[in-house]
Amino acid sequence: MVVLETNGLVKDFGGFIAINDVTFSLEKGQKHAIIGPNGAGKTTFFNLITGHLKPSQGTVEFEGREITGMPPHQIVRLGLARSFQRINIFPRMTVYENIQTALIAKDHKHFSLFTPAATQNRKETRDLLDLVGLNKEMAEIAGELSYGKQKQLELAISLAENPSILLLDEPTAGMSPQETSDAIQLVDEIASSRGLTLLFTEHDMSVVFGIADRISVLHHGELIASGLPDEVRNNKEVRRVYLGEADDAAA
């Protein structure tokens, strides 16, 4: 079942076409990677899906409902959550408070004398801490965590919305090899255990081919290939523009 699709999506930045007529579909339960060279349009594509940018042309549909141009907070509440290349956390709050705040916001709760914030969503907060492996760090200031731990926290904040689709933009960027391995194993386990549909961008090909069950390739804002990992790996055009076969365009 298709849960997310774009039809003829275009983004024109004053004459620069960042996304050009992209028609794409994501099926329920897939772990789908979007790859491409720097500047291919991957983050712009994510921004169009999640409402951070409005398309110049085309539509975005989520679970059969058009969401084109809908504000990001409304899209999140429908069940489509996202992490960013730059870590998006509250650096001066504790790890526990970051997750608890996300849960409170999701439930549309308000602070008052009768329902102080500290008493709300305790079980859900601890469950998410356990899920992403941050129980030991729950009292630490978020901005003082290692980079890998901060990415784990951002993942927990995204999961607080209880999404059906999770978009991850470069989830291992800036990580050490060990942090990368741990992060991908965690994402894979969570997606499988929760039945999440996963859409992610990634430069590390070992990560892409290790987790994705389908891969799409963007180049100069155009979708040039989409298929099973082996199909994409053996696609001559993909190898020419991205996977390193001898050609000036691959540089």
C-alpha atoms as a PDB file:
ATOM      1  CA  MET A   1       0.000   0.000   0.000  1.00  0.00           C
ATOM      2  CA  VAL A   2       1.364   3.397  -0.998  1.00  0.00           C
ATOM      3  CA  VAL A   3       1.468   5.708   2.044  1.00  0.00           C
ATOM      4  CA  LEU A   4       3.386   8.665   0.612  1.00  0.00           C
ATOM      5  CA  GLU A   5       3.611   9.910  -2.948  1.00  0.00           C
ATOM      6  CA  THR A   6       4.632  12.950  -4.916  1.00  0.00           C
ATOM      7  CA  ASN A   7       3.344  13.779  -8.379  1.00  0.00           C
ATOM      8  CA  GLY A   8       5.231  16.080 -10.751  1.00  0.00           C
ATOM      9  CA  LEU A   9       6.950  17.867  -7.884  1.00  0.00           C
ATOM     10  CA  VAL A  10       8.912  20.980  -8.889  1.00  0.00           C
ATOM     11  CA  LYS A  11      10.789  23.552  -6.820  1.00  0.00           C
ATOM     12  CA  ASP A  12      12.035  26.636  -8.632  1.00  0.00           C
ATOM     13  CA  PHE A  13      14.249  29.050  -6.686  1.00  0.00           C
ATOM     14  CA  GLY A  14      14.101  32.081  -8.967  1.00  0.00           C
ATOM     15  CA  GLY A  15      15.151  30.189 -12.089  1.00  0.00           C
ATOM     16  CA  PHE A  16      17.226  27.493 -10.369  1.00  0.00           C
ATOM     17  CA  ILE A  17      15.276  24.219 -10.571  1.00  0.00           C
ATOM     18  CA  ALA A  18      16.193  22.314  -7.405  1.00  0.00           C
ATOM     19  CA  ILE A  19      13.549  19.608  -7.874  1.00  0.00           C
ATOM     20  CA  ASN A  20      12.363  18.838 -11.387  1.00  0.00           C
ATOM     21  CA  ASP A  21       9.172  16.849 -12.034  1.00  0.00           C
ATOM     22  CA  VAL A  22       9.735  14.219  -9.321  1.00  0.00           C
ATOM     23  CA  THR A  23       7.072  11.535  -9.115  1.00  0.00           C
ATOM     24  CA  PHE A  24       7.807   9.166  -6.251  1.00  0.00           C
ATOM     25  CA  SER A  25       5.986   6.623  -4.089  1.00  0.00           C
ATOM     26  CA  LEU A  26       6.735   5.056  -0.711  1.00  0.00           C
ATOM     27  CA  GLU A  27       5.027   1.848   0.367  1.00  0.00           C
ATOM     28  CA  LYS A  28       3.986   0.931   3.891  1.00  0.00           C
ATOM     29  CA  GLY A  29       6.780  -0.761   5.847  1.00  0.00           C
ATOM     30  CA  GLN A  30       9.546   0.104   3.377  1.00  0.00           C
ATOM     31  CA  LYS A  31      13.019   1.260   4.358  1.00  0.00           C
ATOM     32  CA  HIS A  32      13.615   3.515   1.392  1.00  0.00           C
ATOM     33  CA  ALA A  33      16.846   5.451   0.814  1.00  0.00           C
ATOM     34  CA  ILE A  34      17.173   8.627  -1.261  1.00  0.00           C
ATOM     35  CA  ILE A  35      20.739   9.002  -2.501  1.00  0.00           C
ATOM     36  CA  GLY A  36      22.561  11.366  -4.825  1.00  0.00           C
ATOM     37  CA  PRO A  37      25.597  13.656  -5.073  1.00  0.00           C
ATOM     38  CA  ASN A  38      25.853  16.829  -2.997  1.00  0.00           C
ATOM     39  CA  GLY A  39      23.396  19.365  -4.389  1.00  0.00           C
ATOM     40  CA  ALA A  40      21.182  16.685  -5.934  1.00  0.00           C
ATOM     41  CA  GLY A  41      18.112  18.040  -4.146  1.00  0.00           C
ATOM     42  CA  LYS A  42      17.649  15.466  -1.379  1.00  0.00           C
ATOM     43  CA  THR A  43      17.075  17.901   1.500  1.00  0.00           C
ATOM     44  CA  THR A  44      14.901  20.136  -0.702  1.00  0.00           C
ATOM     45  CA  PHE A  45      12.802  17.080  -1.536  1.00  0.00           C
ATOM     46  CA  PHE A  46      12.381  16.338   2.183  1.00  0.00           C
ATOM     47  CA  ASN A  47      11.484  19.979   2.835  1.00  0.00           C
ATOM     48  CA  LEU A  48       8.745  19.825   0.199  1.00  0.00           C
ATOM     49  CA  ILE A  49       7.294  16.632   1.667  1.00  0.00           C
ATOM     50  CA  THR A  50       7.271  17.948   5.233  1.00  0.00           C
ATOM     51  CA  GLY A  51       5.915  21.431   4.511  1.00  0.00           C
ATOM     52  CA  HIS A  52       9.097  23.398   5.170  1.00  0.00           C
ATOM     53  CA  LEU A  53       8.968  24.501   1.528  1.00  0.00           C
ATOM     54  CA  LYS A  54       6.014  24.942  -0.808  1.00  0.00           C
ATOM     55  CA  PRO A  55       6.370  23.362  -4.252  1.00  0.00           C
ATOM     56  CA  SER A  56       6.290  25.482  -7.388  1.00  0.00           C
ATOM     57  CA  GLN A  57       4.303  22.716  -9.060  1.00  0.00           C
ATOM     58  CA  GLY A  58       3.022  19.261  -8.195  1.00  0.00           C
ATOM     59  CA  THR A  59       1.428  17.586  -5.206  1.00  0.00           C
ATOM     60  CA  VAL A  60       2.307  15.587  -2.099  1.00  0.00           C
ATOM     61  CA  GLU A  61      -0.095  12.967  -0.714  1.00  0.00           C
ATOM     62  CA  PHE A  62       0.119  11.168   2.623  1.00  0.00           C
ATOM     63  CA  GLU A  63      -2.119   8.142   3.163  1.00  0.00           C
ATOM     64  CA  GLY A  64      -4.377   9.262   0.335  1.00  0.00           C
ATOM     65  CA  ARG A  65      -4.732  12.838   1.575  1.00  0.00           C
ATOM     66  CA  GLU A  66      -3.164  15.781  -0.194  1.00  0.00           C
ATOM     67  CA  ILE A  67      -0.845  17.675   2.146  1.00  0.00           C
ATOM     68  CA  THR A  68       0.782  20.008  -0.407  1.00  0.00           C
ATOM     69  CA  GLY A  69       1.730  23.264   1.289  1.00  0.00           C
ATOM     70  CA  MET A  70       0.331  22.221   4.676  1.00  0.00           C
ATOM     71  CA  PRO A  71       2.267  23.671   7.661  1.00  0.00           C
ATOM     72  CA  PRO A  72       4.940  21.360   9.117  1.00  0.00           C
ATOM     73  CA  HIS A  73       3.271  21.044  12.554  1.00  0.00           C
ATOM     74  CA  GLN A  74       0.062  19.800  10.940  1.00  0.00           C
ATOM     75  CA  ILE A  75       1.933  17.271   8.826  1.00  0.00           C
ATOM     76  CA  VAL A  76       3.737  15.950  11.916  1.00  0.00           C
ATOM     77  CA  ARG A  77       0.419  15.460  13.700  1.00  0.00           C
ATOM     78  CA  LEU A  78      -0.855  13.383  10.790  1.00  0.00           C
ATOM     79  CA  GLY A  79       1.961  10.909  11.481  1.00  0.00           C
ATOM     80  CA  LEU A  80       4.923  12.008   9.370  1.00  0.00           C
ATOM     81  CA  ALA A  81       7.926  12.893  11.556  1.00  0.00           C
ATOM     82  CA  ARG A  82      11.395  14.032  10.581  1.00  0.00           C
ATOM     83  CA  SER A  83      14.928  14.547  11.840  1.00  0.00           C
ATOM     84  CA  PHE A  84      17.311  17.086  10.320  1.00  0.00           C
ATOM     85  CA  GLN A  85      20.944  17.205   9.179  1.00  0.00           C
ATOM     86  CA  ARG A  86      21.571  19.756  11.926  1.00  0.00           C
ATOM     87  CA  ILE A  87      20.623  18.432  15.330  1.00  0.00           C
ATOM     88  CA  ASN A  88      17.295  19.836  16.494  1.00  0.00           C
ATOM     89  CA  ILE A  89      17.130  19.547  20.292  1.00  0.00           C
ATOM     90  CA  PHE A  90      16.821  21.826  23.332  1.00  0.00           C
ATOM     91  CA  PRO A  91      20.528  21.996  24.308  1.00  0.00           C
ATOM     92  CA  ARG A  92      20.030  23.569  27.766  1.00  0.00           C
ATOM     93  CA  MET A  93      17.397  21.109  28.928  1.00  0.00           C
ATOM     94  CA  THR A  94      18.067  17.616  30.230  1.00  0.00           C
ATOM     95  CA  VAL A  95      17.622  14.579  28.037  1.00  0.00           C
ATOM     96  CA  TYR A  96      14.527  13.636  30.040  1.00  0.00           C
ATOM     97  CA  GLU A  97      13.028  17.127  29.686  1.00  0.00           C
ATOM     98  CA  ASN A  98      13.608  17.148  25.921  1.00  0.00           C
ATOM     99  CA  ILE A  99      11.588  13.981  25.436  1.00  0.00           C
ATOM    100  CA  GLN A 100       8.945  14.910  27.997  1.00  0.00           C
ATOM    101  CA  THR A 101       8.424  18.293  26.328  1.00  0.00           C
ATOM    102  CA  ALA A 102       7.948  16.634  22.952  1.00  0.00           C
ATOM    103  CA  LEU A 103       5.333  14.295  24.432  1.00  0.00           C
ATOM    104  CA  ILE A 104       3.493  17.147  26.150  1.00  0.00           C
ATOM    105  CA  ALA A 105       3.406  19.098  22.889  1.00  0.00           C
ATOM    106  CA  LYS A 106       2.121  16.057  21.003  1.00  0.00           C
ATOM    107  CA  ASP A 107      -0.755  15.641  23.472  1.00  0.00           C
ATOM    108  CA  HIS A 108      -1.581  19.397  23.313  1.00  0.00           C
ATOM    109  CA  LYS A 109      -1.222  19.637  27.085  1.00  0.00           C
ATOM    110  CA  HIS A 110      -0.602  22.870  28.984  1.00  0.00           C
ATOM    111  CA  PHE A 111       1.252  23.655  32.173  1.00  0.00           C
ATOM    112  CA  SER A 112      -0.747  24.848  35.162  1.00  0.00           C
ATOM    113  CA  LEU A 113      -0.743  24.840  38.948  1.00  0.00           C
ATOM    114  CA  PHE A 114      -2.839  21.684  38.833  1.00  0.00           C
ATOM    115  CA  THR A 115      -0.801  19.786  36.230  1.00  0.00           C
ATOM    116  CA  PRO A 116       2.870  20.773  36.572  1.00  0.00           C
ATOM    117  CA  ALA A 117       5.086  19.688  33.689  1.00  0.00           C
ATOM    118  CA  ALA A 118       7.249  17.430  35.854  1.00  0.00           C
ATOM    119  CA  THR A 119       4.326  15.090  36.528  1.00  0.00           C
ATOM    120  CA  GLN A 120       3.241  14.618  32.924  1.00  0.00           C
ATOM    121  CA  ASN A 121       4.008  11.752  30.534  1.00  0.00           C
ATOM    122  CA  ARG A 122       6.437  10.067  32.926  1.00  0.00           C
ATOM    123  CA  LYS A 123       5.926   6.518  31.679  1.00  0.00           C
ATOM    124  CA  GLU A 124       5.997   7.504  28.006  1.00  0.00           C
ATOM    125  CA  THR A 125       9.192   9.490  28.562  1.00  0.00           C
ATOM    126  CA  ARG A 126      10.936   6.579  30.272  1.00  0.00           C
ATOM    127  CA  ASP A 127       9.718   4.190  27.555  1.00  0.00           C
ATOM    128  CA  LEU A 128      11.316   6.363  24.864  1.00  0.00           C
ATOM    129  CA  LEU A 129      14.519   6.732  26.887  1.00  0.00           C
ATOM    130  CA  ASP A 130      14.704   2.963  27.063  1.00  0.00           C
ATOM    131  CA  LEU A 131      13.862   2.542  23.376  1.00  0.00           C
ATOM    132  CA  VAL A 132      16.759   4.709  22.183  1.00  0.00           C
ATOM    133  CA  GLY A 133      19.185   3.645  24.917  1.00  0.00           C
ATOM    134  CA  LEU A 134      19.460   6.904  26.846  1.00  0.00           C
ATOM    135  CA  ASN A 135      18.316   5.848  30.313  1.00  0.00           C
ATOM    136  CA  LYS A 136      21.751   6.437  31.829  1.00  0.00           C
ATOM    137  CA  GLU A 137      21.935   9.912  30.312  1.00  0.00           C
ATOM    138  CA  MET A 138      18.413  11.035  31.265  1.00  0.00           C
ATOM    139  CA  ALA A 139      19.603  13.682  33.764  1.00  0.00           C
ATOM    140  CA  GLU A 140      22.409  15.045  31.583  1.00  0.00           C
ATOM    141  CA  ILE A 141      22.187  18.388  29.803  1.00  0.00           C
ATOM    142  CA  ALA A 142      21.366  17.601  26.170  1.00  0.00           C
ATOM    143  CA  GLY A 143      23.939  20.012  24.734  1.00  0.00           C
ATOM    144  CA  GLU A 144      26.725  18.261  26.644  1.00  0.00           C
ATOM    145  CA  LEU A 145      26.079  14.839  25.131  1.00  0.00           C
ATOM    146  CA  SER A 146      28.351  13.362  22.491  1.00  0.00           C
ATOM    147  CA  TYR A 147      27.275  13.935  18.908  1.00  0.00           C
ATOM    148  CA  GLY A 148      26.034  10.355  18.533  1.00  0.00           C
ATOM    149  CA  LYS A 149      23.990  10.581  21.732  1.00  0.00           C
ATOM    150  CA  GLN A 150      22.452  13.859  20.584  1.00  0.00           C
ATOM    151  CA  LYS A 151      21.321  12.121  17.395  1.00  0.00           C
ATOM    152  CA  GLN A 152      19.773   9.375  19.536  1.00  0.00           C
ATOM    153  CA  LEU A 153      17.919  12.046  21.491  1.00  0.00           C
ATOM    154  CA  GLU A 154      16.672  13.673  18.294  1.00  0.00           C
ATOM    155  CA  LEU A 155      15.394  10.282  17.190  1.00  0.00           C
ATOM    156  CA  ALA A 156      13.492   9.916  20.470  1.00  0.00           C
ATOM    157  CA  ILE A 157      11.952  13.375  19.998  1.00  0.00           C
ATOM    158  CA  SER A 158      10.814  12.376  16.507  1.00  0.00           C
ATOM    159  CA  LEU A 159       9.323   9.151  17.853  1.00  0.00           C
ATOM    160  CA  ALA A 160       7.397  11.087  20.522  1.00  0.00           C
ATOM    161  CA  GLU A 161       4.910  12.005  17.796  1.00  0.00           C
ATOM    162  CA  ASN A 162       4.191   8.279  17.312  1.00  0.00           C
ATOM    163  CA  PRO A 163       4.654   8.587  13.540  1.00  0.00           C
ATOM    164  CA  SER A 164       3.786   6.030  10.916  1.00  0.00           C
ATOM    165  CA  ILE A 165       6.510   7.406   8.611  1.00  0.00           C
ATOM    166  CA  LEU A 166       9.904   8.588   9.811  1.00  0.00           C
ATOM    167  CA  LEU A 167      12.096  10.765   7.578  1.00  0.00           C
ATOM    168  CA  LEU A 168      15.781  10.888   8.500  1.00  0.00           C
ATOM    169  CA  ASP A 169      18.022  13.415   6.747  1.00  0.00           C
ATOM    170  CA  GLU A 170      21.649  12.204   6.863  1.00  0.00           C
ATOM    171  CA  PRO A 171      21.194  10.323  10.178  1.00  0.00           C
ATOM    172  CA  THR A 172      24.883   9.370  10.453  1.00  0.00           C
ATOM    173  CA  ALA A 173      26.503  12.590   9.184  1.00  0.00           C
ATOM    174  CA  GLY A 174      29.470  13.560  11.354  1.00  0.00           C
ATOM    175  CA  MET A 175      29.536  10.272  13.251  1.00  0.00           C
ATOM    176  CA  SER A 176      32.513   8.027  13.872  1.00  0.00           C
ATOM    177  CA  PRO A 177      32.402   4.552  12.263  1.00  0.00           C
ATOM    178  CA  GLN A 178      31.311   2.993  15.570  1.00  0.00           C
ATOM    179  CA  GLU A 179      28.629   5.650  16.141  1.00  0.00           C
ATOM    180  CA  THR A 180      27.403   5.083  12.583  1.00  0.00           C
ATOM    181  CA  SER A 181      27.133   1.336  13.128  1.00  0.00           C
ATOM    182  CA  ASP A 182      25.304   1.783  16.440  1.00  0.00           C
ATOM    183  CA  ALA A 183      22.943   4.420  15.035  1.00  0.00           C
ATOM    184  CA  ILE A 184      21.901   2.381  12.005  1.00  0.00           C
ATOM    185  CA  GLN A 185      21.392  -0.746  14.080  1.00  0.00           C
ATOM    186  CA  LEU A 186      19.187   1.270  16.447  1.00  0.00           C
ATOM    187  CA  VAL A 187      17.125   2.814  13.636  1.00  0.00           C
ATOM    188  CA  ASP A 188      16.721  -0.559  11.933  1.00  0.00           C
ATOM    189  CA  GLU A 189      15.585  -2.248  15.153  1.00  0.00           C
ATOM    190  CA  ILE A 190      13.114   0.536  16.025  1.00  0.00           C
ATOM    191  CA  ALA A 191      11.650   0.643  12.522  1.00  0.00           C
ATOM    192  CA  SER A 192      11.170  -3.120  12.530  1.00  0.00           C
ATOM    193  CA  SER A 193       9.758  -3.370  16.061  1.00  0.00           C
ATOM    194  CA  ARG A 194       7.323  -0.463  15.578  1.00  0.00           C
ATOM    195  CA  GLY A 195       6.347  -1.259  12.017  1.00  0.00           C
ATOM    196  CA  LEU A 196       7.581   2.152  10.867  1.00  0.00           C
ATOM    197  CA  THR A 197       7.934   3.160   7.258  1.00  0.00           C
ATOM    198  CA  LEU A 198      11.380   4.713   6.864  1.00  0.00           C
ATOM    199  CA  LEU A 199      12.556   7.254   4.290  1.00  0.00           C
ATOM    200  CA  PHE A 200      16.129   8.462   4.661  1.00  0.00           C
ATOM    201  CA  THR A 201      18.962  10.234   2.887  1.00  0.00           C
ATOM    202  CA  GLU A 202      22.501   9.022   3.389  1.00  0.00           C
ATOM    203  CA  HIS A 203      25.971   9.383   1.801  1.00  0.00           C
ATOM    204  CA  ASP A 204      27.507   6.286   3.389  1.00  0.00           C
ATOM    205  CA  MET A 205      26.838   3.532   0.839  1.00  0.00           C
ATOM    206  CA  SER A 206      27.536   0.776   3.352  1.00  0.00           C
ATOM    207  CA  VAL A 207      24.674   2.179   5.427  1.00  0.00           C
ATOM    208  CA  VAL A 208      22.387   2.528   2.412  1.00  0.00           C
ATOM    209  CA  PHE A 209      22.921  -0.962   1.068  1.00  0.00           C
ATOM    210  CA  GLY A 210      22.917  -2.435   4.563  1.00  0.00           C
ATOM    211  CA  ILE A 211      19.465  -1.209   5.582  1.00  0.00           C
ATOM    212  CA  ALA A 212      17.434  -0.080   2.550  1.00  0.00           C
ATOM    213  CA  ASP A 213      15.055  -2.442   0.808  1.00  0.00           C
ATOM    214  CA  ARG A 214      14.497   0.131  -1.944  1.00  0.00           C
ATOM    215  CA  ILE A 215      16.667   2.989  -3.236  1.00  0.00           C
ATOM    216  CA  SER A 216      15.880   6.075  -5.313  1.00  0.00           C
ATOM    217  CA  VAL A 217      18.542   8.289  -6.866  1.00  0.00           C
ATOM    218  CA  LEU A 218      18.315  12.053  -7.366  1.00  0.00           C
ATOM    219  CA  HIS A 219      20.676  13.898  -9.704  1.00  0.00           C
ATOM    220  CA  HIS A 220      20.344  17.609 -10.497  1.00  0.00           C
ATOM    221  CA  GLY A 221      16.871  17.510  -8.964  1.00  0.00           C
ATOM    222  CA  GLU A 222      15.634  14.678 -11.173  1.00  0.00           C
ATOM    223  CA  LEU A 223      14.806  11.109 -10.158  1.00  0.00           C
ATOM    224  CA  ILE A 224      17.056   9.024 -12.414  1.00  0.00           C
ATOM    225  CA  ALA A 225      16.520   5.573 -10.891  1.00  0.00           C
ATOM    226  CA  SER A 226      14.424   3.727  -8.331  1.00  0.00           C
ATOM    227  CA  GLY A 227      14.404   0.054  -7.469  1.00  0.00           C
ATOM    228  CA  LEU A 228      15.796  -2.759  -5.377  1.00  0.00           C
ATOM    229  CA  PRO A 229      19.355  -2.267  -4.067  1.00  0.00           C
ATOM    230  CA  ASP A 230      20.946  -4.616  -6.603  1.00  0.00           C
ATOM    231  CA  GLU A 231      19.037  -2.958  -9.459  1.00  0.00           C
ATOM    232  CA  VAL A 232      20.289   0.457  -8.434  1.00  0.00           C
ATOM    233  CA  ARG A 233      23.817  -0.804  -7.789  1.00  0.00           C
ATOM    234  CA  ASN A 234      23.991  -2.171 -11.340  1.00  0.00           C
ATOM    235  CA  ASN A 235      22.300   0.782 -13.056  1.00  0.00           C
ATOM    236  CA  LYS A 236      24.833   2.264 -15.493  1.00  0.00           C
ATOM    237  CA  GLU A 237      23.550   5.825 -15.143  1.00  0.00           C
ATOM    238  CA  VAL A 238      23.683   5.638 -11.328  1.00  0.00           C
ATOM    239  CA  ARG A 239      27.193   4.257 -11.418  1.00  0.00           C
ATOM    240  CA  ARG A 240      28.220   7.026 -13.795  1.00  0.00           C
ATOM    241  CA  VAL A 241      26.861   9.957 -11.770  1.00  0.00           C
ATOM    242  CA  TYR A 242      27.250   8.701  -8.220  1.00  0.00           C
ATOM    243  CA  LEU A 243      28.789   5.358  -7.414  1.00  0.00           C
ATOM    244  CA  GLY A 244      32.217   6.158  -8.797  1.00  0.00           C
ATOM    245  CA  GLU A 245      32.704   4.728 -12.277  1.00  0.00           C
ATOM    246  CA  ALA A 246      35.250   6.693 -14.317  1.00  0.00           C
ATOM    247  CA  ASP A 247      33.517   9.771 -15.657  1.00  0.00           C
ATOM    248  CA  ASP A 248      34.036  13.477 -15.060  1.00  0.00           C
ATOM    249  CA  ALA A 249      30.398  13.817 -13.951  1.00  0.00           C
ATOM    250  CA  ALA A 250      30.998  11.436 -11.096  1.00  0.00           C
ATOM    251  CA  ALA A 251      33.663  13.615  -9.520  1.00  0.00           C
END
